[in-house]
C-alpha cells in the first residue's frame, strides 16, 4: 500500500494488472459457463424426443391391440427400449446439476420412477398377454408426458439461468474495468500529465533564464519529488546568478574606478611635467581627484 502511495509507476502497473486480471477472469468464467452449457441444447432435444417416443408407444399399443402380431409386439418393445435408453443417455444425464436436491435432478428421478414402476411393467404385461387396458395406459403415458414437459421446462430454465449468470458476470467485470480505467485515467491526468506540463514549463523558463518559476508540486510520487528537486535547483541557480551578477557589478565598479584613477594619474603626470617648478600647485588637483575617486 505504501508503494502505491509513493510510486506513480506502481499505481499504473497495478491498474494494468487489475484490468488484465479482470479480463482473464471474465474469459475463464465465459469459457466455463459455455462449457457447462454445451450439452444443454442436446439435453433439451433428448427430453423433447421422449414425448414423441411416448406417443409412439401409445400408437404402437393401439395397433397391437387391433392386430396382436409379433411384428407389432417387437415394435412396442423397440420403442420401450429406445425410451429407456434415452432416459439414461449421457446427452441427458450430463446436463443434470451435481446437487442431489436440485429441482431438475428431482424431476429426473421422478421421471425414471414413473417409467420404471408405473409405465414399463404394465406395457410389458400387456404385450406379454396379460391384458391390455389402453385407457389406463394412455392416462399413465399422459402423466409421463407431463413429467417430461416439466423436465424440459426445468432444462430450459437451467440453461437460461446460466446465460443470465454469464450476462451478470460480464456486466460486473465491465463495470469493475470501467471503474479501474476511470481511476487510472484520473491518476494519470492529475499526477502525470499535470506535473509533466509544469516541469516542461519550468525547463522552458529556465532556458530563458527566468529562474523565478516554481512547480510547487505536492505528493510523494516520482514526479512530485522531481518537481521539488527542480524547484530547489532553480532557487539555488537564482541565488547563484544573483550573487554572480552582484560580484560582476562590484568588479565592474572597481574596474571603472581604477580606470578613472589611471586617467587622473595620467592627466596629473602630464600636469606635473608641464607645470614648471611649482610641484605642489601641479599635484594638488590630482590628489583631490584621487581622494574623491577612492573615497
Protein backbone atom coordinates (compact mmCIF):
# COMPACT_ATOMS: atom_id res chain seq x y z
CA UNK A 1 0.00 0.00 0.00
CA UNK A 2 2.82 2.40 0.82
CA UNK A 3 4.41 1.58 -2.51
CA UNK A 4 1.21 2.61 -4.32
CA UNK A 5 1.09 5.86 -2.35
CA UNK A 6 4.69 6.76 -3.12
CA UNK A 7 5.06 5.50 -6.69
CA UNK A 8 3.12 6.63 -9.74
CA UNK A 9 4.68 3.84 -11.80
CA UNK A 10 3.49 1.25 -9.28
CA UNK A 11 -0.06 2.61 -9.46
CA UNK A 12 -0.09 2.50 -13.26
CA UNK A 13 1.31 -1.05 -13.24
CA UNK A 14 -1.26 -2.08 -10.62
CA UNK A 15 -4.07 -0.64 -12.77
CA UNK A 16 -2.86 -2.52 -15.84
CA UNK A 17 -2.53 -5.74 -13.84
CA UNK A 18 -6.04 -5.29 -12.40
CA UNK A 19 -7.54 -4.72 -15.87
CA UNK A 20 -5.65 -7.73 -17.24
CA UNK A 21 -6.71 -9.91 -14.30
CA UNK A 22 -10.38 -8.99 -14.70
CA UNK A 23 -10.18 -9.64 -18.44
CA UNK A 24 -8.63 -13.07 -17.81
CA UNK A 25 -11.19 -13.90 -15.12
CA UNK A 26 -14.00 -12.83 -17.46
CA UNK A 27 -12.62 -15.05 -20.22
CA UNK A 28 -12.24 -18.03 -17.86
CA UNK A 29 -15.77 -17.58 -16.49
CA UNK A 30 -17.17 -17.26 -20.00
CA UNK A 31 -15.37 -20.41 -21.12
CA UNK A 32 -16.54 -22.29 -18.01
CA UNK A 33 -20.18 -21.31 -18.41
CA UNK A 34 -20.02 -22.02 -22.14
CA UNK A 35 -18.54 -25.47 -21.40
CA UNK A 36 -21.26 -26.19 -18.84
CA UNK A 37 -23.94 -25.05 -21.28
CA UNK A 38 -22.55 -27.02 -24.20
CA UNK A 39 -24.82 -30.03 -23.63
CA UNK A 40 -27.96 -28.12 -22.64
CA UNK A 41 -29.36 -27.92 -26.17
CA UNK A 42 -28.77 -31.65 -26.70
CA UNK A 43 -30.41 -32.46 -23.38
CA UNK A 44 -33.46 -30.38 -24.27
CA UNK A 45 -33.68 -32.14 -27.63
CA UNK A 46 -33.44 -35.57 -25.99
CA UNK A 47 -36.06 -34.65 -23.38
CA UNK A 48 -38.32 -33.33 -26.11
CA UNK A 49 -37.89 -36.53 -28.10
CA UNK A 50 -39.14 -38.51 -25.09
CA UNK A 51 -42.60 -37.06 -25.65
CA UNK A 52 -42.66 -38.25 -29.26
CA UNK A 53 -41.35 -41.62 -28.12
CA UNK A 54 -44.18 -41.84 -25.57
CA UNK A 55 -46.84 -41.08 -28.18
CA UNK A 56 -45.25 -43.67 -30.47
CA UNK A 57 -45.59 -46.28 -27.71
CA UNK A 58 -49.30 -45.40 -27.32
CA UNK A 59 -49.84 -45.68 -31.08
CA UNK A 60 -47.94 -48.99 -31.23
CA UNK A 61 -50.01 -50.36 -28.34
CA UNK A 62 -53.21 -49.42 -30.13
CA UNK A 63 -52.02 -51.20 -33.27
CA UNK A 64 -51.02 -54.20 -31.17
CA UNK A 65 -54.50 -54.18 -29.61
CA UNK A 66 -56.08 -54.26 -33.06
CA UNK A 67 -53.59 -56.76 -34.50
CA UNK A 68 -51.61 -58.68 -31.83
CA UNK A 69 -48.88 -59.83 -34.16
CA UNK A 70 -45.23 -60.46 -33.39
CA UNK A 71 -44.18 -57.52 -35.52
CA UNK A 72 -46.37 -55.12 -33.57
CA UNK A 73 -45.08 -56.55 -30.29
CA UNK A 74 -41.48 -56.16 -31.48
CA UNK A 75 -42.27 -52.57 -32.43
CA UNK A 76 -43.59 -51.81 -28.93
CA UNK A 77 -40.54 -53.43 -27.32
CA UNK A 78 -38.25 -51.46 -29.62
CA UNK A 79 -39.93 -48.21 -28.68
CA UNK A 80 -39.74 -49.08 -24.97
CA UNK A 81 -36.03 -49.88 -25.23
CA UNK A 82 -35.47 -46.62 -27.10
CA UNK A 83 -37.26 -44.59 -24.41
CA UNK A 84 -35.39 -46.39 -21.61
CA UNK A 85 -32.08 -45.78 -23.38
CA UNK A 86 -32.88 -42.12 -23.89
CA UNK A 87 -33.71 -41.72 -20.21
CA UNK A 88 -30.19 -42.76 -19.21
CA UNK A 89 -28.29 -41.39 -22.21
CA UNK A 90 -25.26 -39.21 -21.29
CA UNK A 91 -26.66 -36.48 -23.53
CA UNK A 92 -29.41 -36.05 -20.93
CA UNK A 93 -27.74 -37.03 -17.66
CA UNK A 94 -24.64 -34.89 -18.32
CA UNK A 95 -26.81 -31.76 -18.29
CA UNK A 96 -28.17 -32.52 -14.80
CA UNK A 97 -26.75 -30.49 -11.90
CA UNK A 98 -24.48 -32.24 -9.43
CA UNK A 99 -26.57 -31.30 -6.37
CA UNK A 100 -28.94 -34.10 -5.45
CA UNK A 101 -31.57 -31.68 -4.10
CA UNK A 102 -31.71 -29.65 -7.29
CA UNK A 103 -35.26 -29.48 -8.73
CA UNK A 104 -34.05 -30.68 -12.12
CA UNK A 105 -32.43 -33.80 -10.67
CA UNK A 106 -35.51 -34.47 -8.51
CA UNK A 107 -37.70 -34.19 -11.59
CA UNK A 108 -35.40 -36.62 -13.42
CA UNK A 109 -35.68 -39.14 -10.57
CA UNK A 110 -39.46 -38.74 -10.64
CA UNK A 111 -39.49 -39.38 -14.38
CA UNK A 112 -37.39 -42.52 -14.00
CA UNK A 113 -39.56 -43.79 -11.19
CA UNK A 114 -42.76 -43.22 -13.18
CA UNK A 115 -41.34 -45.06 -16.16
CA UNK A 116 -39.81 -47.95 -14.26
CA UNK A 117 -42.71 -48.54 -11.85
CA UNK A 118 -45.89 -47.11 -13.34
CA UNK A 119 -45.49 -47.49 -17.08
CA UNK A 120 -42.91 -50.04 -18.20
CA UNK A 121 -44.35 -53.02 -16.17
CA UNK A 122 -47.97 -52.58 -17.43
CA UNK A 123 -46.81 -52.23 -21.01
CA UNK A 124 -44.67 -55.32 -20.65
CA UNK A 125 -47.59 -57.28 -19.18
CA UNK A 126 -49.89 -56.03 -21.91
CA UNK A 127 -47.69 -57.21 -24.76
CA UNK A 128 -46.97 -60.46 -22.91
CA UNK A 129 -50.64 -61.44 -22.93
CA UNK A 130 -51.64 -60.11 -19.58
CA UNK A 131 -54.42 -57.95 -20.93
CA UNK A 132 -54.27 -54.50 -22.46
CA UNK A 133 -56.00 -51.57 -20.78
CA UNK A 134 -55.35 -48.88 -23.32
CA UNK A 135 -57.24 -46.11 -21.48
CA UNK A 136 -55.33 -46.72 -18.25
CA UNK A 137 -52.02 -46.86 -20.08
CA UNK A 138 -52.91 -43.74 -22.01
CA UNK A 139 -53.56 -41.87 -18.77
CA UNK A 140 -50.27 -43.13 -17.37
CA UNK A 141 -48.47 -42.09 -20.54
CA UNK A 142 -50.13 -38.68 -20.38
CA UNK A 143 -48.76 -38.30 -16.85
CA UNK A 144 -45.34 -39.29 -18.15
CA UNK A 145 -45.64 -36.67 -20.88
CA UNK A 146 -46.48 -34.10 -18.19
CA UNK A 147 -43.35 -35.07 -16.28
CA UNK A 148 -41.32 -34.82 -19.49
CA UNK A 149 -42.74 -31.34 -20.18
CA UNK A 150 -41.84 -30.27 -16.64
CA UNK A 151 -38.30 -31.60 -17.13
CA UNK A 152 -37.95 -29.79 -20.46
CA UNK A 153 -39.08 -26.58 -18.75
CA UNK A 154 -36.55 -27.06 -15.96
CA UNK A 155 -33.80 -27.73 -18.51
CA UNK A 156 -34.68 -24.54 -20.34
CA UNK A 157 -34.73 -22.59 -17.09
CA UNK A 158 -31.38 -24.08 -16.08
CA UNK A 159 -29.85 -23.09 -19.43
CA UNK A 160 -31.34 -19.61 -19.21
CA UNK A 161 -30.02 -19.20 -15.65
CA UNK A 162 -26.51 -19.96 -16.89
CA UNK A 163 -26.87 -17.37 -19.63
CA UNK A 164 -28.21 -14.83 -17.13
CA UNK A 165 -25.33 -15.60 -14.77
CA UNK A 166 -22.87 -15.11 -17.60
CA UNK A 167 -24.50 -11.80 -18.56
CA UNK A 168 -24.45 -10.59 -14.95
CA UNK A 169 -20.78 -11.52 -14.57
CA UNK A 170 -19.92 -9.80 -17.85
CA UNK A 171 -21.69 -6.63 -16.70
CA UNK A 172 -19.94 -6.83 -13.32
CA UNK A 173 -16.49 -7.24 -14.85
CA UNK A 174 -17.25 -4.48 -17.37
CA UNK A 175 -18.27 -2.13 -14.56
CA UNK A 176 -15.18 -3.02 -12.49
CA UNK A 177 -12.95 -2.50 -15.53
CA UNK A 178 -14.58 0.87 -16.21
CA UNK A 179 -14.00 1.91 -12.57
CA UNK A 180 -10.34 0.86 -12.68
CA UNK A 181 -9.83 2.64 -16.02
CA UNK A 182 -11.51 5.80 -14.68
CA UNK A 183 -9.31 5.76 -11.56
CA UNK A 184 -6.19 5.17 -13.67
CA UNK A 185 -7.09 8.00 -16.07
CA UNK A 186 -7.77 10.34 -13.16
CA UNK A 187 -4.45 9.41 -11.57
CA UNK A 188 -2.58 9.85 -14.86
CA UNK A 189 -4.24 13.19 -15.56
CA UNK A 190 -3.61 14.72 -12.14
CA UNK A 191 -0.36 13.03 -11.16
CA UNK A 192 1.37 12.54 -14.52
CA UNK A 193 0.11 14.89 -17.22
CA UNK A 194 -0.22 17.96 -14.98
CA UNK A 195 3.17 17.61 -13.26
CA UNK A 196 4.90 16.86 -16.57
CA UNK A 197 3.38 20.00 -18.06
CA UNK A 198 4.66 22.07 -15.12
CA UNK A 199 8.11 20.50 -15.41
CA UNK A 200 8.19 21.37 -19.13
CA UNK A 201 7.23 24.97 -18.34
CA UNK A 202 9.96 25.10 -15.69
CA UNK A 203 12.54 23.82 -18.18
CA UNK A 204 11.39 26.33 -20.81
CA UNK A 205 11.53 29.23 -18.37
CA UNK A 206 14.95 28.12 -17.15
CA UNK A 207 16.17 28.09 -20.75
CA UNK A 208 15.01 31.72 -20.97
CA UNK A 209 16.96 32.46 -17.78
CA UNK A 210 13.75 33.03 -15.87
CA UNK A 211 14.58 31.21 -12.66
CA UNK A 212 11.65 32.56 -10.70
CA UNK A 213 9.11 29.97 -11.90
CA UNK A 214 8.24 27.15 -9.45
CA UNK A 215 6.17 23.98 -9.95
CA UNK A 216 5.01 23.75 -6.30
CA UNK A 217 4.25 20.04 -6.77
CA UNK A 218 2.88 18.16 -3.77
CA UNK A 219 2.74 14.44 -3.13
CA UNK A 220 5.12 11.57 -2.60
CA UNK A 221 5.47 10.08 -6.08
CA UNK A 222 8.38 10.32 -8.50
CA UNK A 223 7.22 13.43 -10.38
CA UNK A 224 6.47 15.31 -7.16
CA UNK A 225 9.97 14.53 -5.89
CA UNK A 226 11.40 15.58 -9.25
CA UNK A 227 9.42 18.80 -9.18
CA UNK A 228 10.62 19.69 -5.68
CA UNK A 229 14.18 18.89 -6.72
CA UNK A 230 13.90 21.14 -9.78
CA UNK A 231 12.37 23.90 -7.66
CA UNK A 232 15.33 23.69 -5.28
CA UNK A 233 17.78 23.69 -8.17
CA UNK A 234 16.07 26.70 -9.70
CA UNK A 235 16.20 28.54 -6.38
CA UNK A 236 19.89 27.71 -5.97
CA UNK A 237 20.63 28.78 -9.53
CA UNK A 238 18.72 32.02 -8.98
CA UNK A 239 20.73 32.71 -5.84
CA UNK A 240 23.99 31.86 -7.63
CA UNK A 241 23.10 34.09 -10.58
CA UNK A 242 22.19 36.94 -8.23
CA UNK A 243 25.47 36.58 -6.34
CA UNK A 244 27.39 36.35 -9.61
CA UNK A 245 25.70 39.41 -11.02
CA UNK A 246 26.40 41.31 -7.80
CA UNK A 247 30.02 40.22 -7.94
CA UNK A 248 30.31 41.24 -11.58
CA UNK A 249 28.70 44.61 -10.84
CA UNK A 250 31.08 45.20 -7.97
CA UNK A 251 34.06 44.25 -10.10
CA UNK A 252 32.79 46.48 -12.87
CA UNK A 253 32.53 49.44 -10.47
CA UNK A 254 36.04 48.76 -9.17
CA UNK A 255 37.35 48.47 -12.71
CA UNK A 256 35.73 51.73 -13.71
CA UNK A 257 37.16 53.37 -10.60
CA UNK A 258 40.61 52.02 -11.40
CA UNK A 259 40.32 53.27 -14.96
CA UNK A 260 39.33 56.73 -13.77
CA UNK A 261 42.17 56.67 -11.26
CA UNK A 262 44.61 55.77 -14.01
CA UNK A 263 43.20 58.54 -16.14
CA UNK A 264 43.56 61.01 -13.27
CA UNK A 265 47.12 59.88 -12.65
CA UNK A 266 47.87 60.15 -16.34
CA UNK A 267 46.42 63.63 -16.51
CA UNK A 268 48.23 64.54 -13.28
CA UNK A 269 51.57 63.32 -14.57
CA UNK A 270 51.17 65.46 -17.62
CA UNK A 271 50.25 68.41 -15.43
CA UNK A 272 53.32 67.80 -13.26
CA UNK A 273 55.64 67.76 -16.20
CA UNK A 274 54.03 70.85 -17.72
CA UNK A 275 53.56 72.85 -14.53
CA UNK A 276 57.12 74.13 -14.08
CA UNK A 277 58.82 74.14 -10.70
CA UNK A 278 55.63 74.53 -8.62
CA UNK A 279 55.18 70.86 -7.74
CA UNK A 280 52.54 71.37 -5.03
CA UNK A 281 50.37 73.55 -7.22
CA UNK A 282 50.56 70.98 -10.02
CA UNK A 283 49.97 67.88 -7.79
CA UNK A 284 47.17 69.30 -5.63
CA UNK A 285 44.34 68.94 -8.22
CA UNK A 286 45.40 65.38 -8.97
CA UNK A 287 45.38 64.43 -5.31
CA UNK A 288 41.94 65.93 -4.80
CA UNK A 289 40.58 63.95 -7.76
CA UNK A 290 42.15 60.76 -6.37
CA UNK A 291 40.70 61.47 -2.94
CA UNK A 292 37.23 61.90 -4.38
CA UNK A 293 37.58 58.88 -6.61
CA UNK A 294 38.96 56.50 -3.97
CA UNK A 295 36.78 57.96 -1.18
